[in-house]
Amino acid sequence: MSDTLYLATEKNVKVGSEAVALGDIAKLSCSNPRVLAKAQTLKVMQIPKGQYGRYVVTAISLVVLVQKHLEQVEVTHMGEPEFLITFEKPSPGSRLWPWIKTALVCLVTFFGSAFSIMTFNTDVDVAGLFDHIYQQFTGNPEKGFTILEIAYSVGIGLGVVFFFNHFGPRKLTQDPTPMEVEMRVYEDQVNTTLIDQEDRGQPQGGGKQP
């Protein structure tokens, strides 16, 4: 009776060395520990030194690789039929640069959001609307800030917190935030585009499996 090797792949996997083994890019499972250990060490590809980028690998090539070296093993693949191997250049070990990037993103987000809110309020004339509402209810013209402006300002802040489901390091619920959802959608679209472009012969800083 032959052993069955279960092989699961994701759409994009990162590797840290030029020599890529099967266990580095796929999740493997087998009831026979000897088969599993050998399968994990099977060499999938050798990336040329310094050739950082993305490489497209097909699941069928992994199945063929296993069948070639483990003839008595049945392979069951689960996951993406084509996926990316990303070989990134090691980043310098500076602790200051990540903090600088975080600070820049926070500044851009803060001032960009503030500018968008201010231009929206000016465009729809929120100040004039509040003045009109205040006169309707009190019969007197508005003088300076009133409860309307205060409630509106507090409401914007609370609305942002509830909408993004995030405040500092804490989430209000266990659901992913809208930003996390959009980043996941963007990542999936980028991976799909890179694979499609590679299939059409448009290399993206890497190429097909060497």
Protein backbone atom coordinates (compact mmCIF):
# COMPACT_ATOMS: atom_id res chain seq x y z
CA MET A 1 0.00 0.00 0.00
CA SER A 2 1.48 3.37 -1.08
CA ASP A 3 1.75 6.38 1.15
CA THR A 4 -0.11 9.61 0.44
CA LEU A 5 1.66 12.95 0.65
CA TYR A 6 -0.58 15.97 1.08
CA LEU A 7 0.88 19.14 -0.37
CA ALA A 8 -0.67 22.57 0.26
CA THR A 9 0.52 25.76 -1.41
CA GLU A 10 -0.35 29.42 -0.95
CA LYS A 11 -0.44 32.17 -3.55
CA ASN A 12 2.75 33.86 -2.43
CA VAL A 13 5.50 32.52 -0.19
CA LYS A 14 8.74 34.19 0.86
CA VAL A 15 12.08 32.41 0.99
CA GLY A 16 15.31 33.50 2.61
CA SER A 17 17.95 31.62 0.60
CA GLU A 18 18.77 30.79 -3.02
CA ALA A 19 18.36 27.04 -2.48
CA VAL A 20 14.62 26.42 -2.26
CA ALA A 21 13.38 23.11 -0.86
CA LEU A 22 9.86 21.75 -1.01
CA GLY A 23 9.40 22.22 2.72
CA ASP A 24 10.24 25.91 2.37
CA ILE A 25 7.34 26.71 0.05
CA ALA A 26 4.63 24.17 0.86
CA LYS A 27 2.91 22.64 3.85
CA LEU A 28 3.37 18.87 3.81
CA SER A 29 1.63 16.08 5.64
CA CYS A 30 2.11 12.32 5.48
CA SER A 31 1.47 9.42 7.85
CA ASN A 32 4.93 8.04 7.04
CA PRO A 33 7.54 10.22 8.81
CA ARG A 34 10.35 8.97 6.54
CA VAL A 35 8.49 10.01 3.41
CA LEU A 36 7.62 13.36 4.97
CA ALA A 37 11.24 14.05 5.97
CA LYS A 38 12.55 13.23 2.51
CA ALA A 39 9.86 15.24 0.76
CA GLN A 40 10.66 18.32 2.83
CA THR A 41 14.27 18.30 1.62
CA LEU A 42 13.55 17.86 -2.09
CA LYS A 43 15.19 20.70 -4.02
CA VAL A 44 12.65 22.69 -6.01
CA MET A 45 14.89 25.35 -7.54
CA GLN A 46 18.19 27.17 -7.24
CA ILE A 47 17.81 30.93 -7.53
CA PRO A 48 20.87 32.64 -9.04
CA LYS A 49 22.81 34.53 -6.40
CA GLY A 50 21.62 38.10 -5.99
CA GLN A 51 18.64 37.66 -8.34
CA TYR A 52 16.02 38.98 -5.97
CA GLY A 53 12.45 39.04 -7.21
CA ARG A 54 9.37 36.88 -7.75
CA TYR A 55 9.35 33.50 -9.44
CA VAL A 56 6.29 31.66 -10.70
CA VAL A 57 6.04 27.98 -9.84
CA THR A 58 3.31 25.58 -10.89
CA ALA A 59 1.85 22.99 -8.55
CA ILE A 60 2.14 20.32 -11.24
CA SER A 61 5.92 20.78 -11.26
CA LEU A 62 5.98 20.00 -7.53
CA VAL A 63 3.87 16.88 -8.07
CA VAL A 64 6.25 15.74 -10.81
CA LEU A 65 9.23 16.41 -8.54
CA VAL A 66 7.79 14.25 -5.75
CA GLN A 67 6.83 11.45 -8.13
CA LYS A 68 10.32 11.47 -9.60
CA HIS A 69 12.11 10.99 -6.27
CA LEU A 70 9.40 9.13 -4.35
CA GLU A 71 7.93 6.72 -6.85
CA GLN A 72 5.70 4.82 -4.43
CA VAL A 73 4.08 7.93 -3.02
CA GLU A 74 0.74 9.36 -4.12
CA VAL A 75 0.57 13.16 -4.11
CA THR A 76 -2.58 15.10 -3.26
CA HIS A 77 -2.26 18.80 -3.95
CA MET A 78 -4.38 21.43 -2.21
CA GLY A 79 -4.10 25.11 -2.93
CA GLU A 80 -3.12 27.35 -5.81
CA PRO A 81 -2.27 25.76 -9.19
CA GLU A 82 0.29 28.53 -9.75
CA PHE A 83 1.96 30.58 -7.07
CA LEU A 84 4.80 33.01 -6.47
CA ILE A 85 8.09 32.50 -4.69
CA THR A 86 9.37 35.84 -3.42
CA PHE A 87 13.08 36.13 -2.77
CA GLU A 88 13.64 39.47 -1.05
CA LYS A 89 16.88 41.29 -0.48
CA PRO A 90 17.72 41.26 3.24
CA SER A 91 16.95 44.61 4.79
CA PRO A 92 19.60 46.37 6.88
CA GLY A 93 19.32 45.79 10.60
CA SER A 94 18.60 49.42 11.42
CA ARG A 95 15.99 49.90 14.14
CA LEU A 96 15.54 53.59 13.40
CA TRP A 97 14.31 53.33 9.81
CA PRO A 98 11.06 51.42 10.60
CA TRP A 99 10.17 54.06 13.19
CA ILE A 100 10.86 56.83 10.67
CA LYS A 101 8.62 55.18 8.09
CA THR A 102 5.88 54.70 10.68
CA ALA A 103 6.10 58.35 11.69
CA LEU A 104 5.91 59.51 8.06
CA VAL A 105 2.86 57.33 7.39
CA CYS A 106 1.15 58.68 10.53
CA LEU A 107 1.84 62.28 9.51
CA VAL A 108 0.61 61.79 5.97
CA THR A 109 -2.50 59.99 7.19
CA PHE A 110 -3.27 62.61 9.86
CA PHE A 111 -2.82 65.71 7.70
CA GLY A 112 -4.36 64.07 4.64
CA SER A 113 -7.46 63.06 6.58
CA ALA A 114 -7.69 66.49 8.20
CA PHE A 115 -7.42 68.21 4.82
CA SER A 116 -10.09 65.93 3.31
CA ILE A 117 -12.50 66.60 6.19
CA MET A 118 -11.93 70.35 6.02
CA THR A 119 -12.44 70.52 2.26
CA PHE A 120 -15.61 68.43 2.57
CA ASN A 121 -16.99 70.71 5.29
CA THR A 122 -16.17 73.77 3.20
CA ASP A 123 -17.68 72.28 0.06
CA VAL A 124 -21.03 71.46 1.67
CA ASP A 125 -20.93 74.57 3.94
CA VAL A 126 -21.34 72.72 7.23
CA ALA A 127 -20.78 75.96 9.18
CA GLY A 128 -23.67 77.66 7.36
CA LEU A 129 -25.88 74.62 7.91
CA PHE A 130 -25.18 74.60 11.65
CA ASP A 131 -25.88 78.32 11.84
CA HIS A 132 -29.22 77.82 10.08
CA ILE A 133 -30.19 74.93 12.38
CA TYR A 134 -29.15 76.91 15.48
CA GLN A 135 -31.29 79.88 14.47
CA GLN A 136 -34.30 77.65 13.77
CA PHE A 137 -34.20 76.11 17.24
CA THR A 138 -33.12 79.12 19.31
CA GLY A 139 -34.24 82.10 17.25
CA ASN A 140 -30.84 83.74 17.77
CA PRO A 141 -27.82 83.86 15.45
CA GLU A 142 -24.95 81.55 16.26
CA LYS A 143 -22.08 83.09 18.23
CA GLY A 144 -18.87 81.07 18.20
CA PHE A 145 -18.87 77.35 18.84
CA THR A 146 -22.06 75.65 19.97
CA ILE A 147 -23.12 72.17 20.95
CA LEU A 148 -23.59 71.36 17.26
CA GLU A 149 -19.91 71.83 16.39
CA ILE A 150 -18.80 69.99 19.52
CA ALA A 151 -21.08 67.01 18.86
CA TYR A 152 -20.09 66.96 15.20
CA SER A 153 -16.36 66.91 16.03
CA VAL A 154 -16.76 64.17 18.63
CA GLY A 155 -18.97 62.19 16.25
CA ILE A 156 -16.35 62.26 13.49
CA GLY A 157 -13.70 60.88 15.84
CA LEU A 158 -15.95 58.13 17.20
CA GLY A 159 -17.17 57.30 13.69
CA VAL A 160 -13.62 56.79 12.47
CA VAL A 161 -12.82 54.54 15.43
CA PHE A 162 -15.94 52.40 14.98
CA PHE A 163 -15.60 52.23 11.20
CA PHE A 164 -11.98 51.11 11.23
CA ASN A 165 -12.65 48.85 14.22
CA HIS A 166 -9.32 49.82 15.71
CA PHE A 167 -8.03 52.06 18.47
CA GLY A 168 -4.33 51.90 19.23
CA PRO A 169 -3.24 48.27 19.60
CA ARG A 170 -6.79 47.07 20.35
CA LYS A 171 -9.69 46.01 18.15
CA LEU A 172 -13.28 46.66 19.09
CA THR A 173 -14.36 43.31 17.62
CA GLN A 174 -12.64 40.19 16.31
CA ASP A 175 -13.52 41.04 12.72
CA PRO A 176 -10.70 42.21 10.42
CA THR A 177 -10.53 45.96 9.99
CA PRO A 178 -11.52 47.54 6.66
CA MET A 179 -7.85 48.38 6.11
CA GLU A 180 -6.85 44.74 6.62
CA VAL A 181 -9.54 43.62 4.18
CA GLU A 182 -8.46 46.12 1.53
CA MET A 183 -4.80 45.20 1.95
CA ARG A 184 -5.66 41.53 1.53
CA VAL A 185 -7.68 42.25 -1.61
CA TYR A 186 -4.84 44.38 -2.98
CA GLU A 187 -2.28 41.66 -2.22
CA ASP A 188 -4.40 39.01 -3.98
CA GLN A 189 -4.86 41.24 -7.03
CA VAL A 190 -1.12 41.96 -7.22
CA ASN A 191 -0.24 38.27 -7.01
CA THR A 192 -2.81 37.35 -9.65
CA THR A 193 -1.57 40.09 -11.98
CA LEU A 194 2.06 39.02 -11.59
CA ILE A 195 1.19 35.41 -12.39
CA ASP A 196 -0.90 36.42 -15.42
CA GLN A 197 1.85 38.71 -16.72
CA GLU A 198 4.42 35.96 -16.30
CA ASP A 199 2.20 33.55 -18.25
CA ARG A 200 2.05 36.16 -21.03
CA GLY A 201 5.80 36.49 -21.13
CA GLN A 202 6.20 39.71 -19.15
CA PRO A 203 8.84 39.01 -16.47
CA GLN A 204 8.45 40.85 -13.18
CA GLY A 205 11.88 41.02 -11.62
CA GLY A 206 12.14 37.26 -11.46
CA GLY A 207 10.74 34.80 -13.90
CA LYS A 208 9.61 31.28 -14.37
CA GLN A 209 11.01 28.52 -12.26
CA PRO A 210 14.70 28.13 -13.22
